[in-house]
Amino acid sequence: NTPQEQIIGKRPVEDVVTLPTFLGEDVQNFTIWTHKRLVYPEVCRKDEIEGKVIFRVIIDENGTPAFSAFKFDHSLLAQAAYQVVRKSPQWTSGKIHGCPVQFEFGFPVIFELR
């Protein structure tokens, strides 16, 4: 079944689960916010190092975000990405059946030289 076909009780899943939002929009808005503030480490730029940092993101019941890097290609990239995501403003918490709940998800930050 697709998420649209799943039913909890007699209500479609999308009526029961509301995902957390960032500045009134979905997580894609957080991706844009992050990349606008990201500073490529000069050493990595000079050595042509590219890579990805994947964060474990927890948005608690109050919308407070917490981030931890659990997979990364280079420690300087992880540090640079963390310097940005840790400054995230408050989110709007996700909800299940209208009640705020903690949500957890993976969030990638990609460093590419252009």
Protein backbone atom coordinates (compact mmCIF):
# COMPACT_ATOMS: atom_id res chain seq x y z
CA ASN A 1 0.00 0.00 0.00
CA THR A 2 1.13 3.54 -0.69
CA PRO A 3 1.00 6.06 2.20
CA GLN A 4 -2.16 7.50 0.61
CA GLU A 5 -3.81 4.07 0.75
CA GLN A 6 -2.88 3.31 4.35
CA ILE A 7 -5.62 3.92 6.84
CA ILE A 8 -5.33 4.46 10.58
CA GLY A 9 -8.75 3.87 12.01
CA LYS A 10 -10.95 5.31 9.28
CA ARG A 11 -8.76 8.31 8.50
CA PRO A 12 -6.04 8.49 5.81
CA VAL A 13 -2.47 8.64 7.17
CA GLU A 14 -1.98 12.21 5.94
CA ASP A 15 -4.93 13.27 8.14
CA VAL A 16 -3.33 11.63 11.20
CA VAL A 17 0.38 12.46 10.79
CA THR A 18 1.69 16.01 10.34
CA LEU A 19 5.44 16.24 9.69
CA PRO A 20 7.57 18.93 11.36
CA THR A 21 7.92 22.16 9.41
CA PHE A 22 10.76 24.65 9.12
CA LEU A 23 9.75 28.31 8.90
CA GLY A 24 6.29 27.23 7.79
CA GLU A 25 7.47 24.92 5.01
CA ASP A 26 8.78 21.37 4.59
CA VAL A 27 12.32 20.12 5.19
CA GLN A 28 13.36 21.27 1.70
CA ASN A 29 13.21 24.80 3.09
CA PHE A 30 15.77 23.77 5.73
CA THR A 31 18.03 22.47 2.94
CA ILE A 32 17.87 25.89 1.24
CA TRP A 33 18.42 27.70 4.55
CA THR A 34 21.46 25.51 5.32
CA HIS A 35 23.12 25.88 1.93
CA LYS A 36 22.77 29.67 1.95
CA ARG A 37 24.82 29.75 5.17
CA LEU A 38 27.31 26.96 4.43
CA VAL A 39 30.99 27.92 4.21
CA TYR A 40 33.22 25.48 2.34
CA PRO A 41 36.34 24.80 4.44
CA GLU A 42 39.29 26.46 2.68
CA VAL A 43 41.57 23.44 3.21
CA CYS A 44 38.98 21.17 1.59
CA ARG A 45 38.50 23.61 -1.29
CA LYS A 46 42.27 23.82 -1.85
CA ASP A 47 42.67 20.03 -1.73
CA GLU A 48 39.52 19.55 -3.87
CA ILE A 49 37.78 17.50 -1.19
CA GLU A 50 34.07 16.96 -1.72
CA GLY A 51 31.72 14.91 0.36
CA LYS A 52 28.58 14.44 2.35
CA VAL A 53 27.65 14.86 6.00
CA ILE A 54 24.55 13.07 7.22
CA PHE A 55 22.94 14.34 10.39
CA ARG A 56 20.53 12.63 12.71
CA VAL A 57 17.89 15.29 13.33
CA ILE A 58 15.46 15.20 16.22
CA ILE A 59 12.65 17.73 16.38
CA ASP A 60 11.11 17.45 19.83
CA GLU A 61 7.49 17.99 20.87
CA ASN A 62 8.19 21.71 21.33
CA GLY A 63 9.83 22.10 17.92
CA THR A 64 13.36 22.33 19.33
CA PRO A 65 15.88 20.78 16.92
CA ALA A 66 18.91 18.68 17.88
CA PHE A 67 21.56 17.56 15.41
CA SER A 68 24.35 14.98 15.47
CA ALA A 69 26.56 14.01 12.54
CA PHE A 70 26.53 10.24 12.28
CA LYS A 71 28.20 9.77 8.90
CA PHE A 72 30.64 12.03 7.09
CA ASP A 73 33.35 11.91 4.45
CA HIS A 74 35.74 14.40 6.08
CA SER A 75 35.87 15.86 9.59
CA LEU A 76 36.32 19.44 8.34
CA LEU A 77 33.17 19.11 6.23
CA ALA A 78 31.30 17.77 9.26
CA GLN A 79 32.49 20.70 11.39
CA ALA A 80 31.50 23.26 8.76
CA ALA A 81 28.04 21.74 8.34
CA TYR A 82 27.48 21.51 12.09
CA GLN A 83 28.37 25.20 12.51
CA VAL A 84 25.37 25.99 10.31
CA VAL A 85 22.71 23.46 11.36
CA ARG A 86 23.25 24.11 15.09
CA LYS A 87 22.04 27.69 14.50
CA SER A 88 18.70 26.47 13.19
CA PRO A 89 15.75 28.43 14.48
CA GLN A 90 12.85 26.68 16.16
CA TRP A 91 10.75 24.32 14.04
CA THR A 92 7.04 23.56 14.30
CA SER A 93 6.75 20.11 15.83
CA GLY A 94 5.19 17.21 14.02
CA LYS A 95 1.92 15.79 15.25
CA ILE A 96 0.10 12.50 15.41
CA HIS A 97 -3.65 12.72 15.89
CA GLY A 98 -3.16 16.44 16.52
CA CYS A 99 -0.77 15.91 19.44
CA PRO A 100 2.83 17.20 19.19
CA VAL A 101 5.38 14.37 19.05
CA GLN A 102 9.12 13.98 18.59
CA PHE A 103 10.23 13.18 15.03
CA GLU A 104 13.62 11.87 13.92
CA PHE A 105 15.05 11.82 10.41
CA GLY A 106 18.29 11.87 8.44
CA PHE A 107 19.42 15.11 6.82
CA PRO A 108 22.28 15.23 4.26
CA VAL A 109 24.54 18.21 3.65
CA ILE A 110 26.47 17.87 0.41
CA PHE A 111 29.71 19.69 -0.36
CA GLU A 112 30.50 19.97 -4.06
CA LEU A 113 33.09 22.16 -5.73
CA ARG A 114 31.86 24.06 -8.74
